[in-house]
Amino acid sequence: MSTHSPHHSARLRGNQQHPARGGTVALLVVTALLVLMQLYSAIPLVAPMGTDLGADVSFALSTVFSICYAVGFLVWGPLADQYGRRRIMVIGLLTLTVVTFACGFASSAPLLAVLRGLQGLTASSFAPVALAYLAEATPPARRATAIGAMSTAFLVAGILGQVAASAVALELGWEWMFILSGVMLALCLVGVVLVVAEPPRHTDGVRLTRRFAAVATVATRPSVLLLSAAHLTLLLSFVAMYTGLGPHLSSLGLNSSQVIWLRLVGLPGMFASLIAGRITRRLGTAGVARAGFALAAAGLLLEAALSGTLVGTGASSLVFVTGVALAVPSMITLFGESAAPNRAGGMALNGFVLFLGASLGPLTAHLGLSFPVLLLGLAILMAIAVASLTGFTRLTRSTMGTVA
């Protein structure tokens, strides 16, 4: 005869259905931060690595990683739907750890390009799969908080990745950024193996080829095309601005350690993503996204006008980063809702477009434009994004209600 009460049995079933508790969420958030830092650490490493390897490594270090990272979203999402979230996270993190260590021993630009491409491809296995896992394995009452914390980690990595890479390269050498990252990723891998539990999976009998086809179906929708036009500009502008910022600050007489502190100025703005949900109740999701792009454009215009002063550059970069932080979670939500019922395809496409833009950022920054002119061009892209979102709103008003 069972001694368990009905309440105890219900709680046990709930724990099995939603096994992700606070420790699991914290582990995945920290892992997400470390994984995304591998993208943004390239921004300050271009100069020291180029000097040591005797070549321009911007394409090999930044663009190759970002392109492979973007393409990886289209691959890992369907694979995780087919074979399970935990399995893909473990395989991806194991491979990423090995390749990250190897990057620290790159001896030429072509070898660096190969290793960074593999690093980007394996790094992209984490973000979409971890978000899908939290959406399924976190208790409903804590789900929004968990996903919000993960989104914030993605954004904070944009600043911390630059700062950590700058500091490590300055004190120990650029190789140690990859070596230390490999050590920390290995620890995260052990944590995922020991802590992350897969919730019960319901096989739907869908073939893997059908899952990949769903992504293509989503990509052809007019509303998603308009979202993609806006989304492409987001990390393109972020990466391009910060890539151009270092040389600009050096021209103003700042040394490497002072540049690190100015990069940190934008960090508080990243946490604006945590209040995006509250603002959504008044402006709607698309309204918050438009406001984010508009604020980012204003920050870029201010930075262009005040680029000759350190205070003005720092303050306006904070405005820009705040706008980006408001736009990112809103755009993720819009992609998911516009792709319904193929939400997994929408999330894969969201990541692909977002990081395709990131891959274009370094190329944009190296067009030979002065820093103020670069910022003006990026502000125009932000304005085009606002126009695209306005078109999206008009197109979907009748079908999406308050979302638009």
Protein backbone atom coordinates (compact mmCIF):
# COMPACT_ATOMS: atom_id res chain seq x y z
CA MET A 1 0.00 0.00 0.00
CA SER A 2 1.41 3.37 -1.01
CA THR A 3 2.15 5.87 1.76
CA HIS A 4 2.39 8.83 -0.60
CA SER A 5 -0.40 11.40 -0.53
CA PRO A 6 -2.04 12.61 -3.78
CA HIS A 7 -0.38 15.99 -3.21
CA HIS A 8 3.04 14.34 -2.95
CA SER A 9 2.43 12.31 -6.11
CA ALA A 10 1.35 15.41 -8.04
CA ARG A 11 4.45 17.28 -6.92
CA LEU A 12 6.63 14.33 -7.96
CA ARG A 13 5.04 14.30 -11.42
CA GLY A 14 5.60 18.05 -11.65
CA ASN A 15 9.29 17.64 -10.80
CA GLN A 16 9.65 15.04 -13.54
CA GLN A 17 7.81 17.16 -16.09
CA HIS A 18 9.68 20.36 -15.17
CA PRO A 19 13.09 19.28 -13.80
CA ALA A 20 14.88 22.63 -14.28
CA ARG A 21 15.19 24.31 -10.90
CA GLY A 22 17.17 27.38 -9.79
CA GLY A 23 20.57 25.70 -9.92
CA THR A 24 19.98 24.39 -13.43
CA VAL A 25 18.83 27.79 -14.69
CA ALA A 26 21.86 29.50 -13.10
CA LEU A 27 24.21 26.98 -14.72
CA LEU A 28 22.68 27.48 -18.16
CA VAL A 29 22.76 31.29 -17.82
CA VAL A 30 26.47 31.24 -16.89
CA THR A 31 27.19 28.84 -19.75
CA ALA A 32 25.31 31.08 -22.19
CA LEU A 33 27.39 34.04 -21.02
CA LEU A 34 30.66 32.17 -21.62
CA VAL A 35 29.58 30.82 -25.00
CA LEU A 36 28.49 34.22 -26.35
CA MET A 37 31.63 35.88 -25.00
CA GLN A 38 33.54 33.88 -27.64
CA LEU A 39 31.84 35.99 -30.32
CA TYR A 40 32.45 39.42 -28.81
CA SER A 41 35.96 38.72 -27.54
CA ALA A 42 37.12 38.99 -31.15
CA ILE A 43 36.51 42.75 -31.21
CA PRO A 44 39.51 43.77 -29.04
CA LEU A 45 41.67 40.78 -30.05
CA VAL A 46 41.96 41.82 -33.71
CA ALA A 47 44.92 44.14 -33.08
CA PRO A 48 47.13 41.94 -30.84
CA MET A 49 46.46 38.77 -32.83
CA GLY A 50 47.08 40.55 -36.12
CA THR A 51 50.43 41.77 -34.81
CA ASP A 52 51.51 38.32 -33.61
CA LEU A 53 50.30 36.43 -36.70
CA GLY A 54 51.55 39.07 -39.13
CA ALA A 55 48.27 39.46 -41.00
CA ASP A 56 44.89 41.18 -40.90
CA VAL A 57 42.86 38.66 -38.87
CA SER A 58 39.57 40.57 -38.77
CA PHE A 59 37.86 38.28 -41.29
CA ALA A 60 39.29 35.08 -39.79
CA LEU A 61 38.63 36.07 -36.19
CA SER A 62 35.25 37.82 -36.39
CA THR A 63 33.44 37.30 -39.68
CA VAL A 64 34.11 33.57 -40.10
CA PHE A 65 32.97 32.87 -36.54
CA SER A 66 29.79 34.93 -36.92
CA ILE A 67 28.81 33.39 -40.26
CA CYS A 68 29.28 29.85 -38.96
CA TYR A 69 27.47 30.78 -35.75
CA ALA A 70 24.53 32.10 -37.75
CA VAL A 71 24.36 29.04 -40.02
CA GLY A 72 24.58 26.77 -36.98
CA PHE A 73 21.23 28.05 -35.73
CA LEU A 74 19.58 26.52 -38.79
CA VAL A 75 21.25 23.18 -38.03
CA TRP A 76 21.14 22.66 -34.27
CA GLY A 77 17.52 23.71 -33.64
CA PRO A 78 15.98 20.95 -35.79
CA LEU A 79 18.53 18.42 -34.48
CA ALA A 80 17.56 19.23 -30.89
CA ASP A 81 13.86 18.83 -31.74
CA GLN A 82 14.66 15.42 -33.19
CA TYR A 83 17.18 14.00 -30.70
CA GLY A 84 16.63 15.89 -27.44
CA ARG A 85 17.92 19.09 -25.84
CA ARG A 86 20.37 17.65 -23.29
CA ARG A 87 22.12 15.39 -25.81
CA ILE A 88 22.74 18.26 -28.24
CA MET A 89 23.93 20.59 -25.47
CA VAL A 90 26.46 17.99 -24.25
CA ILE A 91 27.77 17.20 -27.75
CA GLY A 92 27.99 20.89 -28.65
CA LEU A 93 29.75 21.95 -25.44
CA LEU A 94 32.23 19.07 -25.63
CA THR A 95 33.24 19.98 -29.17
CA LEU A 96 33.27 23.70 -28.40
CA THR A 97 35.60 23.18 -25.44
CA VAL A 98 38.15 21.28 -27.54
CA VAL A 99 38.06 23.78 -30.42
CA THR A 100 38.30 26.77 -28.05
CA PHE A 101 41.50 25.36 -26.54
CA ALA A 102 42.85 24.83 -30.07
CA CYS A 103 42.20 28.48 -31.01
CA GLY A 104 44.79 29.50 -28.42
CA PHE A 105 47.47 27.72 -30.44
CA ALA A 106 46.60 29.08 -33.90
CA SER A 107 49.83 29.93 -35.73
CA SER A 108 48.47 31.54 -38.91
CA ALA A 109 45.43 33.44 -40.16
CA PRO A 110 44.16 30.55 -42.36
CA LEU A 111 44.38 28.09 -39.44
CA LEU A 112 42.68 30.64 -37.20
CA ALA A 113 39.85 30.97 -39.74
CA VAL A 114 39.27 27.20 -39.75
CA LEU A 115 39.31 26.96 -35.96
CA ARG A 116 37.08 30.01 -35.46
CA GLY A 117 34.64 28.62 -38.02
CA LEU A 118 34.43 25.35 -36.09
CA GLN A 119 34.14 27.31 -32.86
CA GLY A 120 31.24 29.37 -34.22
CA LEU A 121 29.45 26.30 -35.58
CA THR A 122 29.69 24.41 -32.28
CA ALA A 123 28.95 27.50 -30.15
CA SER A 124 25.63 27.93 -31.94
CA SER A 125 24.48 24.60 -30.54
CA PHE A 126 23.88 26.16 -27.14
CA ALA A 127 21.68 29.27 -27.32
CA PRO A 128 18.64 27.98 -29.28
CA VAL A 129 18.72 24.60 -27.55
CA ALA A 130 19.04 26.07 -24.05
CA LEU A 131 16.14 28.47 -24.69
CA ALA A 132 13.99 25.60 -25.96
CA TYR A 133 14.98 23.53 -22.92
CA LEU A 134 14.03 26.29 -20.47
CA ALA A 135 10.69 26.78 -22.25
CA GLU A 136 9.90 23.10 -21.66
CA ALA A 137 11.71 22.13 -18.45
CA THR A 138 11.15 25.20 -16.24
CA PRO A 139 8.02 25.33 -14.04
CA PRO A 140 5.50 27.69 -15.71
CA ALA A 141 5.60 30.17 -12.82
CA ARG A 142 9.36 30.65 -13.23
CA ARG A 143 9.61 30.29 -17.00
CA ALA A 144 9.51 33.98 -17.96
CA THR A 145 12.16 34.82 -15.36
CA ALA A 146 14.43 32.01 -16.57
CA ILE A 147 14.16 33.00 -20.24
CA GLY A 148 14.62 36.67 -19.33
CA ALA A 149 17.81 35.83 -17.41
CA MET A 150 19.10 33.86 -20.40
CA SER A 151 18.34 36.75 -22.79
CA THR A 152 20.15 39.16 -20.46
CA ALA A 153 23.20 36.87 -20.43
CA PHE A 154 23.28 36.97 -24.24
CA LEU A 155 23.34 40.76 -24.13
CA VAL A 156 25.76 41.19 -21.23
CA ALA A 157 28.22 38.94 -23.08
CA GLY A 158 28.49 41.71 -25.68
CA ILE A 159 30.24 43.95 -23.16
CA LEU A 160 31.94 41.43 -20.86
CA GLY A 161 33.39 39.53 -23.82
CA GLN A 162 35.17 42.67 -24.98
CA VAL A 163 36.34 43.66 -21.50
CA ALA A 164 37.58 40.18 -20.54
CA ALA A 165 39.45 39.73 -23.82
CA SER A 166 41.04 43.18 -23.53
CA ALA A 167 42.17 42.57 -19.95
CA VAL A 168 43.50 39.05 -20.56
CA ALA A 169 45.33 40.05 -23.74
CA LEU A 170 46.88 43.02 -21.96
CA GLU A 171 48.05 41.06 -18.91
CA LEU A 172 48.71 37.52 -20.19
CA GLY A 173 48.53 37.52 -23.99
CA TRP A 174 45.67 36.78 -26.38
CA GLU A 175 46.28 33.01 -26.27
CA TRP A 176 45.14 32.88 -22.68
CA MET A 177 41.68 34.21 -23.52
CA PHE A 178 41.01 31.00 -25.44
CA ILE A 179 42.77 28.75 -22.93
CA LEU A 180 40.93 30.17 -19.92
CA SER A 181 37.64 30.10 -21.84
CA GLY A 182 38.26 26.43 -22.63
CA VAL A 183 38.79 25.66 -18.94
CA MET A 184 35.56 27.41 -17.93
CA LEU A 185 33.58 25.78 -20.75
CA ALA A 186 34.89 22.38 -19.60
CA LEU A 187 33.56 23.10 -16.10
CA CYS A 188 30.20 24.09 -17.56
CA LEU A 189 30.13 20.87 -19.59
CA VAL A 190 30.63 18.83 -16.41
CA GLY A 191 27.81 20.79 -14.78
CA VAL A 192 25.43 20.15 -17.70
CA VAL A 193 26.21 16.42 -17.62
CA LEU A 194 25.56 16.23 -13.87
CA VAL A 195 22.69 18.67 -13.40
CA VAL A 196 20.58 19.01 -16.54
CA ALA A 197 17.74 16.49 -16.75
CA GLU A 198 15.69 15.99 -19.91
CA PRO A 199 11.92 16.31 -19.36
CA PRO A 200 9.73 13.54 -20.80
CA ARG A 201 9.76 13.78 -24.59
CA HIS A 202 6.73 13.05 -26.73
CA THR A 203 7.82 11.74 -30.10
CA ASP A 204 5.71 13.29 -32.84
CA GLY A 205 6.99 11.09 -35.65
CA VAL A 206 8.14 14.08 -37.71
CA ARG A 207 11.13 13.34 -39.91
CA LEU A 208 14.27 15.43 -39.59
CA THR A 209 13.93 16.65 -43.18
CA ARG A 210 10.48 18.03 -42.35
CA ARG A 211 11.95 20.01 -39.46
CA PHE A 212 14.50 21.64 -41.75
CA ALA A 213 11.78 22.34 -44.33
CA ALA A 214 9.75 24.16 -41.66
CA VAL A 215 12.53 26.73 -41.32
CA ALA A 216 12.40 27.45 -45.05
CA THR A 217 8.61 27.78 -44.88
CA VAL A 218 8.85 30.36 -42.12
CA ALA A 219 11.52 32.34 -43.98
CA THR A 220 9.25 33.01 -46.97
CA ARG A 221 6.45 34.68 -45.01
CA PRO A 222 6.16 38.42 -45.81
CA SER A 223 5.89 39.37 -42.14
CA VAL A 224 9.04 37.39 -41.31
CA LEU A 225 10.90 38.99 -44.23
CA LEU A 226 10.12 42.43 -42.80
CA LEU A 227 11.27 41.31 -39.35
CA SER A 228 14.45 39.94 -40.87
CA ALA A 229 15.21 43.25 -42.62
CA ALA A 230 15.09 44.98 -39.24
CA HIS A 231 16.82 42.25 -37.27
CA LEU A 232 19.80 42.11 -39.62
CA THR A 233 20.81 45.64 -38.60
CA LEU A 234 20.82 45.05 -34.84
CA LEU A 235 24.09 43.22 -34.13
CA LEU A 236 25.58 44.58 -37.34
CA SER A 237 25.41 48.04 -35.76
CA PHE A 238 26.47 46.82 -32.31
CA VAL A 239 29.58 44.98 -33.54
CA ALA A 240 30.49 47.69 -36.07
CA MET A 241 30.23 50.46 -33.48
CA TYR A 242 32.41 48.68 -30.93
CA THR A 243 34.89 47.54 -33.58
CA GLY A 244 35.37 51.16 -34.65
CA LEU A 245 35.36 52.46 -31.07
CA GLY A 246 38.75 51.05 -30.04
CA PRO A 247 40.80 52.70 -32.82
CA HIS A 248 38.82 55.93 -32.35
CA LEU A 249 39.59 56.06 -28.63
CA SER A 250 43.24 55.34 -29.35
CA SER A 251 43.27 58.36 -31.69
CA LEU A 252 41.99 60.44 -28.77
CA GLY A 253 45.03 59.42 -26.73
CA LEU A 254 43.59 56.61 -24.55
CA ASN A 255 45.74 53.60 -23.77
CA SER A 256 44.49 50.00 -23.77
CA SER A 257 43.51 49.90 -20.10
CA GLN A 258 41.50 53.13 -20.42
CA VAL A 259 39.67 51.77 -23.46
CA ILE A 260 38.54 48.80 -21.33
CA TRP A 261 36.82 51.14 -18.88
CA LEU A 262 35.03 53.04 -21.61
CA ARG A 263 33.73 49.78 -23.08
CA LEU A 264 32.20 49.01 -19.67
CA VAL A 265 30.10 52.20 -19.74
CA GLY A 266 27.44 50.49 -21.85
CA LEU A 267 27.02 47.52 -19.49
CA PRO A 268 24.15 48.94 -17.39
CA GLY A 269 22.14 49.50 -20.55
CA MET A 270 22.09 45.75 -21.19
CA PHE A 271 19.77 45.22 -18.24
CA ALA A 272 17.05 47.23 -19.99
CA SER A 273 16.00 43.88 -21.48
CA LEU A 274 14.62 42.95 -18.05
CA ILE A 275 12.00 45.73 -18.23
CA ALA A 276 11.03 45.15 -21.86
CA GLY A 277 8.15 42.90 -20.76
CA ARG A 278 6.61 45.62 -18.60
CA ILE A 279 6.81 48.19 -21.37
CA THR A 280 5.19 45.71 -23.74
CA ARG A 281 1.91 45.97 -21.81
CA ARG A 282 1.63 49.60 -22.93
CA LEU A 283 3.33 49.70 -26.33
CA GLY A 284 2.90 46.15 -27.60
CA THR A 285 5.81 43.92 -28.58
CA ALA A 286 6.41 45.55 -31.97
CA GLY A 287 6.09 48.96 -30.32
CA VAL A 288 8.87 48.13 -27.86
CA ALA A 289 11.03 46.84 -30.72
CA ARG A 290 10.50 50.08 -32.67
CA ALA A 291 11.28 52.13 -29.59
CA GLY A 292 14.48 50.14 -29.07
CA PHE A 293 15.67 50.71 -32.63
CA ALA A 294 14.75 54.40 -32.45
CA LEU A 295 16.63 54.82 -29.17
CA ALA A 296 19.65 53.04 -30.63
CA ALA A 297 19.56 55.37 -33.64
CA ALA A 298 19.41 58.39 -31.32
CA GLY A 299 22.40 57.07 -29.39
CA LEU A 300 24.41 56.66 -32.58
CA LEU A 301 23.57 60.19 -33.73
CA LEU A 302 24.59 61.59 -30.35
CA GLU A 303 27.80 59.58 -30.40
CA ALA A 304 28.64 60.92 -33.86
CA ALA A 305 28.03 64.48 -32.73
CA LEU A 306 29.99 64.05 -29.47
CA SER A 307 32.70 61.69 -30.70
CA GLY A 308 35.42 64.22 -29.96
CA THR A 309 34.77 64.03 -26.21
CA LEU A 310 35.19 61.01 -23.92
CA VAL A 311 32.19 61.87 -21.74
CA GLY A 312 29.95 62.35 -24.75
CA THR A 313 31.13 59.14 -26.39
CA GLY A 314 30.57 57.13 -23.22
CA ALA A 315 27.14 58.57 -22.43
CA SER A 316 25.83 58.21 -25.97
CA SER A 317 27.14 54.63 -26.24
CA LEU A 318 25.07 53.86 -23.14
CA VAL A 319 21.97 55.22 -24.90
CA PHE A 320 22.74 53.09 -27.95
CA VAL A 321 23.25 49.90 -25.92
CA THR A 322 20.01 50.49 -24.00
CA GLY A 323 18.11 50.67 -27.28
CA VAL A 324 19.69 47.42 -28.48
CA ALA A 325 18.81 45.72 -25.18
CA LEU A 326 15.16 46.75 -25.54
CA ALA A 327 14.96 45.55 -29.13
CA VAL A 328 16.53 42.08 -28.77
CA PRO A 329 13.95 40.30 -26.54
CA SER A 330 11.07 41.98 -28.37
CA MET A 331 12.38 40.79 -31.73
CA ILE A 332 12.80 37.24 -30.40
CA THR A 333 9.15 37.27 -29.31
CA LEU A 334 7.98 38.64 -32.66
CA PHE A 335 9.86 35.96 -34.59
CA GLY A 336 8.32 33.22 -32.45
CA GLU A 337 4.79 34.54 -32.83
CA SER A 338 5.09 35.27 -36.54
CA ALA A 339 6.39 31.75 -37.19
CA ALA A 340 3.56 29.96 -35.33
CA PRO A 341 2.92 27.06 -35.38
CA ASN A 342 6.54 26.50 -36.50
CA ARG A 343 8.04 28.34 -33.52
CA ALA A 344 11.22 26.26 -33.57
CA GLY A 345 11.77 27.33 -37.16
CA GLY A 346 11.14 30.93 -36.16
CA MET A 347 13.74 30.76 -33.37
CA ALA A 348 16.29 29.21 -35.73
CA LEU A 349 15.68 31.92 -38.32
CA ASN A 350 15.84 34.61 -35.64
CA GLY A 351 19.31 33.49 -34.60
CA PHE A 352 20.49 33.11 -38.18
CA VAL A 353 19.49 36.64 -39.20
CA LEU A 354 20.70 38.23 -35.95
CA PHE A 355 24.19 36.75 -36.16
CA LEU A 356 24.45 37.10 -39.91
CA GLY A 357 24.26 40.81 -39.10
CA ALA A 358 27.01 40.33 -36.50
CA SER A 359 29.22 38.78 -39.19
CA LEU A 360 28.80 41.91 -41.33
CA GLY A 361 29.68 44.24 -38.45
CA PRO A 362 33.50 43.97 -38.66
CA LEU A 363 33.38 44.32 -42.45
CA THR A 364 31.28 47.47 -42.09
CA ALA A 365 33.68 48.93 -39.54
CA HIS A 366 36.61 48.39 -41.91
CA LEU A 367 35.13 50.25 -44.88
CA GLY A 368 37.60 53.05 -44.28
CA LEU A 369 35.01 55.53 -42.97
CA SER A 370 35.80 57.96 -40.19
CA PHE A 371 34.19 57.05 -36.87
CA PRO A 372 31.50 59.79 -37.00
CA VAL A 373 30.55 58.88 -40.59
CA LEU A 374 30.38 55.18 -39.62
CA LEU A 375 27.99 56.07 -36.79
CA LEU A 376 25.79 58.13 -39.10
CA GLY A 377 25.57 55.21 -41.53
CA LEU A 378 24.61 52.85 -38.71
CA ALA A 379 21.95 55.30 -37.51
CA ILE A 380 20.43 55.23 -41.01
CA LEU A 381 20.28 51.43 -40.78
CA MET A 382 18.45 51.74 -37.47
CA ALA A 383 15.95 54.10 -39.12
CA ILE A 384 15.39 51.56 -41.91
CA ALA A 385 14.74 48.96 -39.22
CA VAL A 386 12.05 51.19 -37.68
CA ALA A 387 10.43 51.56 -41.11
CA SER A 388 10.51 47.78 -41.62
CA LEU A 389 8.83 47.24 -38.26
CA THR A 390 6.19 49.81 -39.14
CA GLY A 391 5.46 47.84 -42.30
CA PHE A 392 5.36 44.65 -40.23
CA THR A 393 2.83 46.24 -37.86
CA ARG A 394 0.52 47.29 -40.67
CA LEU A 395 0.77 43.88 -42.33
CA THR A 396 -0.06 41.93 -39.19
CA ARG A 397 -2.45 44.29 -37.40
CA SER A 398 -5.53 42.35 -38.39
CA THR A 399 -4.13 38.96 -37.36
CA MET A 400 -1.88 39.68 -34.36
CA GLY A 401 -4.03 42.08 -32.36
CA THR A 402 -2.16 43.62 -29.46
CA VAL A 403 1.14 42.01 -30.40
CA ALA A 404 1.63 44.62 -33.11
